[in-house]
Amino acid sequence: MMSGDGEAMPLYVAGVDDLQVWRDEPKIRVESMAGQPLVIHNGETVWRFAHQEDLPTAAQREKVSYVGPGRELLVTQPASRWIGNDFTTPDKPIEEIEYLGRACWAVELRPPKHKPHAMQLVIDQHTGTILQQRNDGFDIAIRFIAFTAGIPIDPAVFEWTGPVRPPRYSLAPDDFRSSFIPSLGERKDIHRQWFSQHVTERPLTIAITAELTIENLRYHDDEGAFEADIGSMVITGRLARRRRSTATWDLLWDLPTLQTWTTTEHDWAIAMHTGKLDDNALNALQHILHPDAPVVGRPETE
């Protein structure tokens, strides 16, 4: 997937198991084993390829980031990834092992309280590259099956010199399917159609009680303002507070919904990846956050 910010819509690349990758930080090229490109990034421009499209779209690196197959190993995590308790602390002594003929460290990271299993990493000692990421409790893993470092790469590998097509500004079905057949996107469509025809067309909407915890404190100051990633085993989102203000609140959140409110002292904002909280859930959360401060309005937001 390529995540976009106001210009290029997301592209979901599914139905792909093995990839070929060339990387010269921050440049990257990702292809199928058959040589079909998925993403090319030359450090400034990103080209991405969609289902049944001969031409890629192009966007500046500030507009898109690679979050498709292999992202866990291909995208360098920011330093903030290692803040908090979400798979950040070794749970066992670090071991020195050999993997793919290279000297590596094997690390097991402790899960947060709301997640049941630890995460395992294999890290190349020479380059610091994560060569394998596993969760043995769930029996899932993503790994390099061959790895070579230190060999010069022709800069042309990270360029696309052919024509491009304009980016889409609204979602189209092809944005959610792979350029490979059969794809996970197509299988999902077939399964959903069968379920609608043989079981029910109604959305399976139910109320879920979730114990939200702070996953990552992105920002805080001495006046009590903060911005944090929140989540549970079933939902994730973001929560923020600032001192009450008449200034427009530009949160810059790339989330599907935003709910805001104001108390006598603070402005509040929440957005969940699963959609808006209903009135009962929002009222319950407000009572937890500020039990003695009633809601008196709503801040101006971008």
Protein backbone atom coordinates (compact mmCIF):
# COMPACT_ATOMS: atom_id res chain seq x y z
CA MET A 1 0.00 0.00 0.00
CA MET A 2 1.10 3.54 -0.58
CA SER A 3 -0.43 5.89 1.95
CA GLY A 4 -1.30 9.29 0.53
CA ASP A 5 -1.79 12.79 1.90
CA GLY A 6 -4.27 14.66 -0.27
CA GLU A 7 -2.85 13.74 -3.66
CA ALA A 8 -2.47 10.07 -4.51
CA MET A 9 -5.03 7.59 -3.18
CA PRO A 10 -3.86 4.40 -1.40
CA LEU A 11 -2.75 1.44 -3.48
CA TYR A 12 -3.16 -1.99 -1.90
CA VAL A 13 -0.79 -4.62 -3.25
CA ALA A 14 -2.01 -8.10 -2.32
CA GLY A 15 -1.56 -11.67 -3.51
CA VAL A 16 2.23 -11.37 -3.36
CA ASP A 17 4.41 -13.74 -1.36
CA ASP A 18 8.06 -13.27 -2.39
CA LEU A 19 9.65 -9.99 -3.42
CA GLN A 20 12.91 -8.77 -4.92
CA VAL A 21 14.25 -5.66 -3.23
CA TRP A 22 17.08 -3.24 -4.02
CA ARG A 23 17.85 -0.64 -1.40
CA ASP A 24 20.28 2.24 -1.09
CA GLU A 25 18.88 4.24 1.79
CA PRO A 26 16.53 6.03 1.25
CA LYS A 27 16.20 4.70 -2.31
CA ILE A 28 14.26 1.48 -2.84
CA ARG A 29 12.88 -0.69 -5.62
CA VAL A 30 10.39 -3.50 -4.92
CA GLU A 31 9.47 -6.07 -7.58
CA SER A 32 7.71 -9.39 -7.83
CA MET A 33 9.90 -12.41 -8.45
CA ALA A 34 8.77 -12.21 -12.08
CA GLY A 35 10.28 -8.74 -12.37
CA GLN A 36 7.08 -6.67 -12.26
CA PRO A 37 7.73 -3.44 -10.31
CA LEU A 38 5.51 -2.54 -7.36
CA VAL A 39 7.26 0.54 -6.01
CA ILE A 40 10.27 2.58 -7.13
CA HIS A 41 11.67 5.39 -4.98
CA ASN A 42 14.70 7.47 -5.97
CA GLY A 43 14.88 9.47 -2.74
CA GLU A 44 12.67 12.27 -4.06
CA THR A 45 9.94 10.71 -6.22
CA VAL A 46 7.89 7.56 -5.66
CA TRP A 47 6.39 5.59 -8.56
CA ARG A 48 3.73 2.99 -7.72
CA PHE A 49 1.93 0.43 -9.86
CA ALA A 50 -1.75 -0.54 -9.55
CA HIS A 51 -3.87 -3.47 -10.72
CA GLN A 52 -4.12 -3.80 -14.52
CA GLU A 53 -2.32 -0.48 -15.03
CA ASP A 54 0.64 -0.38 -17.41
CA LEU A 55 1.72 3.03 -16.16
CA PRO A 56 2.56 4.03 -12.59
CA THR A 57 1.46 7.09 -10.69
CA ALA A 58 4.14 9.39 -9.32
CA ALA A 59 4.29 11.57 -6.22
CA GLN A 60 6.88 13.35 -4.10
CA ARG A 61 8.23 11.37 -1.17
CA GLU A 62 6.47 13.71 1.30
CA LYS A 63 3.13 12.55 -0.11
CA VAL A 64 3.50 8.78 0.05
CA SER A 65 5.22 6.06 2.04
CA TYR A 66 5.59 2.36 1.35
CA VAL A 67 3.33 0.23 3.57
CA GLY A 68 2.89 -2.79 1.34
CA PRO A 69 4.28 -6.33 1.39
CA GLY A 70 7.47 -6.53 3.40
CA ARG A 71 7.00 -3.11 5.01
CA GLU A 72 8.09 -4.43 8.40
CA LEU A 73 11.55 -5.11 6.97
CA LEU A 74 11.81 -2.53 4.21
CA VAL A 75 10.87 0.69 6.00
CA THR A 76 13.27 2.12 8.57
CA GLN A 77 11.30 2.78 11.73
CA PRO A 78 11.50 6.24 13.34
CA ALA A 79 13.07 6.56 16.77
CA SER A 80 9.60 7.07 18.24
CA ARG A 81 8.80 3.44 17.33
CA TRP A 82 10.95 2.36 20.27
CA ILE A 83 9.24 4.57 22.86
CA GLY A 84 6.70 3.07 25.22
CA ASN A 85 6.00 -0.60 25.89
CA ASP A 86 4.72 -1.90 22.54
CA PHE A 87 7.44 -4.46 21.65
CA THR A 88 10.31 -2.20 22.73
CA THR A 89 12.00 -4.11 25.58
CA PRO A 90 14.00 -7.36 25.27
CA ASP A 91 12.28 -10.17 27.18
CA LYS A 92 15.26 -12.54 27.15
CA PRO A 93 19.04 -12.24 26.82
CA ILE A 94 20.11 -11.20 23.31
CA GLU A 95 21.75 -14.08 21.44
CA GLU A 96 24.43 -14.03 18.75
CA ILE A 97 23.43 -16.32 15.87
CA GLU A 98 24.17 -16.89 12.20
CA TYR A 99 21.39 -16.26 9.66
CA LEU A 100 21.80 -16.37 5.89
CA GLY A 101 25.50 -16.82 6.51
CA ARG A 102 25.75 -13.52 8.39
CA ALA A 103 26.50 -12.66 12.02
CA CYS A 104 23.22 -11.58 13.63
CA TRP A 105 21.55 -10.84 16.94
CA ALA A 106 18.37 -12.69 17.93
CA VAL A 107 16.09 -10.54 20.10
CA GLU A 108 12.75 -11.32 21.71
CA LEU A 109 10.66 -8.25 22.57
CA ARG A 110 8.18 -8.21 25.42
CA PRO A 111 4.54 -7.58 24.39
CA PRO A 112 2.41 -4.89 26.04
CA LYS A 113 -0.21 -6.07 28.52
CA HIS A 114 -3.03 -6.09 25.96
CA LYS A 115 -1.14 -8.32 23.48
CA PRO A 116 -0.63 -12.02 24.18
CA HIS A 117 2.66 -12.94 22.48
CA ALA A 118 6.22 -11.68 22.20
CA MET A 119 7.87 -10.57 18.95
CA GLN A 120 11.12 -12.06 17.67
CA LEU A 121 13.68 -10.18 15.56
CA VAL A 122 16.85 -11.25 13.78
CA ILE A 123 19.13 -8.25 13.18
CA ASP A 124 22.20 -8.17 10.96
CA GLN A 125 25.17 -7.07 13.08
CA HIS A 126 27.04 -5.36 10.23
CA THR A 127 24.24 -3.24 8.74
CA GLY A 128 21.64 -3.10 11.53
CA THR A 129 19.04 -4.41 9.06
CA ILE A 130 16.16 -6.47 10.45
CA LEU A 131 16.37 -9.69 8.45
CA GLN A 132 13.49 -11.49 10.12
CA GLN A 133 10.45 -10.49 12.17
CA ARG A 134 8.32 -13.22 13.75
CA ASN A 135 5.52 -13.76 16.21
CA ASP A 136 5.90 -17.39 17.17
CA GLY A 137 2.75 -17.30 19.29
CA PHE A 138 0.67 -16.55 16.18
CA ASP A 139 2.94 -18.58 13.86
CA ILE A 140 3.50 -15.64 11.50
CA ALA A 141 6.77 -14.38 10.09
CA ILE A 142 8.28 -12.17 7.42
CA ARG A 143 11.91 -12.70 6.48
CA PHE A 144 14.65 -12.23 3.96
CA ILE A 145 15.47 -15.52 2.25
CA ALA A 146 18.63 -14.10 0.66
CA PHE A 147 20.53 -10.97 1.65
CA THR A 148 23.59 -9.24 0.18
CA ALA A 149 25.08 -5.97 1.43
CA GLY A 150 27.87 -3.67 0.29
CA ILE A 151 27.53 -4.18 -3.47
CA PRO A 152 27.17 -0.96 -5.55
CA ILE A 153 23.78 -0.57 -7.27
CA ASP A 154 23.29 1.23 -10.58
CA PRO A 155 21.34 4.46 -9.80
CA ALA A 156 19.09 3.69 -12.79
CA VAL A 157 17.54 0.87 -10.72
CA PHE A 158 15.80 3.54 -8.65
CA GLU A 159 14.42 5.53 -11.58
CA TRP A 160 11.35 5.28 -13.83
CA THR A 161 11.91 6.98 -17.18
CA GLY A 162 8.66 5.98 -18.84
CA PRO A 163 5.33 7.84 -18.87
CA VAL A 164 3.10 8.03 -15.80
CA ARG A 165 -0.65 8.34 -15.31
CA PRO A 166 -2.37 11.02 -13.20
CA PRO A 167 -3.12 10.08 -9.58
CA ARG A 168 -6.70 9.28 -8.61
CA TYR A 169 -8.51 11.67 -6.30
CA SER A 170 -11.26 9.20 -5.40
CA LEU A 171 -11.19 5.53 -4.63
CA ALA A 172 -11.53 3.09 -7.51
CA PRO A 173 -11.89 -0.70 -7.26
CA ASP A 174 -8.48 -1.26 -8.85
CA ASP A 175 -6.82 0.61 -5.98
CA PHE A 176 -7.65 -2.33 -3.73
CA ARG A 177 -6.42 -5.15 -5.95
CA SER A 178 -3.02 -6.46 -6.75
CA SER A 179 -1.37 -6.45 -10.12
CA PHE A 180 -1.13 -10.22 -9.65
CA ILE A 181 -3.81 -12.84 -10.26
CA PRO A 182 -5.30 -14.35 -8.21
CA SER A 183 -5.20 -11.54 -5.67
CA LEU A 184 -6.36 -11.28 -2.10
CA GLY A 185 -8.55 -8.32 -3.05
CA GLU A 186 -10.47 -10.34 -5.64
CA ARG A 187 -10.93 -13.25 -3.26
CA LYS A 188 -12.34 -10.90 -0.65
CA ASP A 189 -14.82 -9.49 -3.17
CA ILE A 190 -16.04 -13.00 -4.06
CA HIS A 191 -16.37 -14.00 -0.42
CA ARG A 192 -18.30 -10.84 0.47
CA GLN A 193 -20.66 -11.29 -2.48
CA TRP A 194 -21.38 -14.88 -1.44
CA PHE A 195 -22.04 -13.82 2.15
CA SER A 196 -24.40 -11.05 1.03
CA GLN A 197 -26.37 -13.44 -1.19
CA HIS A 198 -26.55 -16.42 1.20
CA VAL A 199 -26.45 -14.93 4.71
CA THR A 200 -27.26 -11.21 5.00
CA GLU A 201 -26.67 -7.91 3.23
CA ARG A 202 -26.86 -5.98 6.49
CA PRO A 203 -23.60 -4.68 7.99
CA LEU A 204 -22.43 -6.78 10.93
CA THR A 205 -22.45 -3.82 13.33
CA ILE A 206 -22.04 -4.66 17.00
CA ALA A 207 -21.00 -2.79 20.14
CA ILE A 208 -17.59 -3.75 21.53
CA THR A 209 -16.20 -2.78 24.92
CA ALA A 210 -12.49 -2.01 24.63
CA GLU A 211 -9.90 -1.14 27.27
CA LEU A 212 -7.85 1.54 25.56
CA THR A 213 -4.23 2.08 26.55
CA ILE A 214 -1.58 4.61 25.55
CA GLU A 215 0.60 2.98 22.89
CA ASN A 216 2.84 5.93 22.10
CA LEU A 217 2.98 9.43 23.57
CA ARG A 218 3.79 11.51 20.50
CA TYR A 219 3.89 14.88 22.27
CA HIS A 220 3.30 16.54 25.63
CA ASP A 221 4.12 19.86 27.26
CA ASP A 222 4.13 21.54 30.67
CA GLU A 223 0.61 22.90 30.18
CA GLY A 224 -0.86 19.41 29.92
CA ALA A 225 -1.28 19.31 26.15
CA PHE A 226 -0.54 15.96 24.56
CA GLU A 227 -1.03 13.77 21.53
CA ALA A 228 -0.99 9.98 21.86
CA ASP A 229 -1.65 6.80 19.93
CA ILE A 230 -4.27 4.73 21.74
CA GLY A 231 -5.47 1.21 21.17
CA SER A 232 -6.58 -2.20 22.31
CA MET A 233 -6.59 -5.67 20.77
CA VAL A 234 -9.56 -4.68 18.57
CA ILE A 235 -9.30 -0.93 17.81
CA THR A 236 -6.64 1.75 17.48
CA GLY A 237 -6.68 5.50 17.10
CA ARG A 238 -5.35 8.79 18.41
CA LEU A 239 -6.23 11.09 21.31
CA ALA A 240 -5.13 14.69 21.91
CA ARG A 241 -5.67 17.60 24.26
CA ARG A 242 -4.63 21.25 24.27
CA ARG A 243 -5.36 24.28 26.42
CA ARG A 244 -8.70 25.77 25.40
CA SER A 245 -8.16 28.15 22.50
CA THR A 246 -10.03 30.06 19.81
CA ALA A 247 -7.21 29.32 17.34
CA THR A 248 -7.86 26.75 14.63
CA TRP A 249 -6.56 23.34 15.68
CA ASP A 250 -4.60 21.84 12.79
CA LEU A 251 -4.10 18.22 13.87
CA LEU A 252 -2.80 16.87 10.52
CA TRP A 253 -4.23 13.42 11.26
CA ASP A 254 -4.62 11.00 8.37
CA LEU A 255 -7.55 9.17 9.97
CA PRO A 256 -11.07 8.56 8.62
CA THR A 257 -12.99 10.43 11.33
CA LEU A 258 -12.38 13.18 13.85
CA GLN A 259 -14.47 13.94 16.94
CA THR A 260 -13.75 17.02 19.03
CA TRP A 261 -15.14 18.74 22.10
CA THR A 262 -14.28 21.51 24.55
CA THR A 263 -14.39 21.77 28.33
CA THR A 264 -13.80 24.89 30.40
CA GLU A 265 -10.02 24.31 30.37
CA HIS A 266 -9.19 22.10 27.38
CA ASP A 267 -9.95 21.21 23.79
CA TRP A 268 -10.07 17.47 23.08
CA ALA A 269 -9.86 15.37 19.91
CA ILE A 270 -10.14 11.67 19.17
CA ALA A 271 -10.07 9.66 15.93
CA MET A 272 -10.37 5.88 15.61
CA HIS A 273 -9.35 3.78 12.60
CA THR A 274 -12.63 1.89 12.94
CA GLY A 275 -14.79 4.99 12.60
CA LYS A 276 -16.67 7.38 14.90
CA LEU A 277 -17.50 6.49 18.48
CA ASP A 278 -21.24 6.41 19.07
CA ASP A 279 -22.78 8.79 21.60
CA ASN A 280 -22.72 6.29 24.46
CA ALA A 281 -19.04 5.40 23.90
CA LEU A 282 -17.99 9.04 23.51
CA ASN A 283 -19.89 10.08 26.65
CA ALA A 284 -18.28 7.23 28.62
CA LEU A 285 -14.81 8.25 27.45
CA GLN A 286 -15.42 11.90 28.31
CA HIS A 287 -16.53 10.90 31.81
CA ILE A 288 -13.27 8.97 32.27
CA LEU A 289 -11.06 11.75 30.92
CA HIS A 290 -12.66 14.70 32.75
CA PRO A 291 -15.41 13.49 35.12
CA ASP A 292 -15.95 16.91 36.72
CA ALA A 293 -15.69 19.04 33.57
CA PRO A 294 -18.77 19.17 31.31
CA VAL A 295 -18.57 19.57 27.55
CA VAL A 296 -19.26 23.22 26.67
CA GLY A 297 -18.50 23.42 22.96
CA ARG A 298 -16.26 22.37 20.14
CA PRO A 299 -12.94 23.77 18.86
CA GLU A 300 -12.37 24.98 15.34
CA THR A 301 -10.36 22.42 13.34
CA GLU A 302 -8.82 22.22 9.88
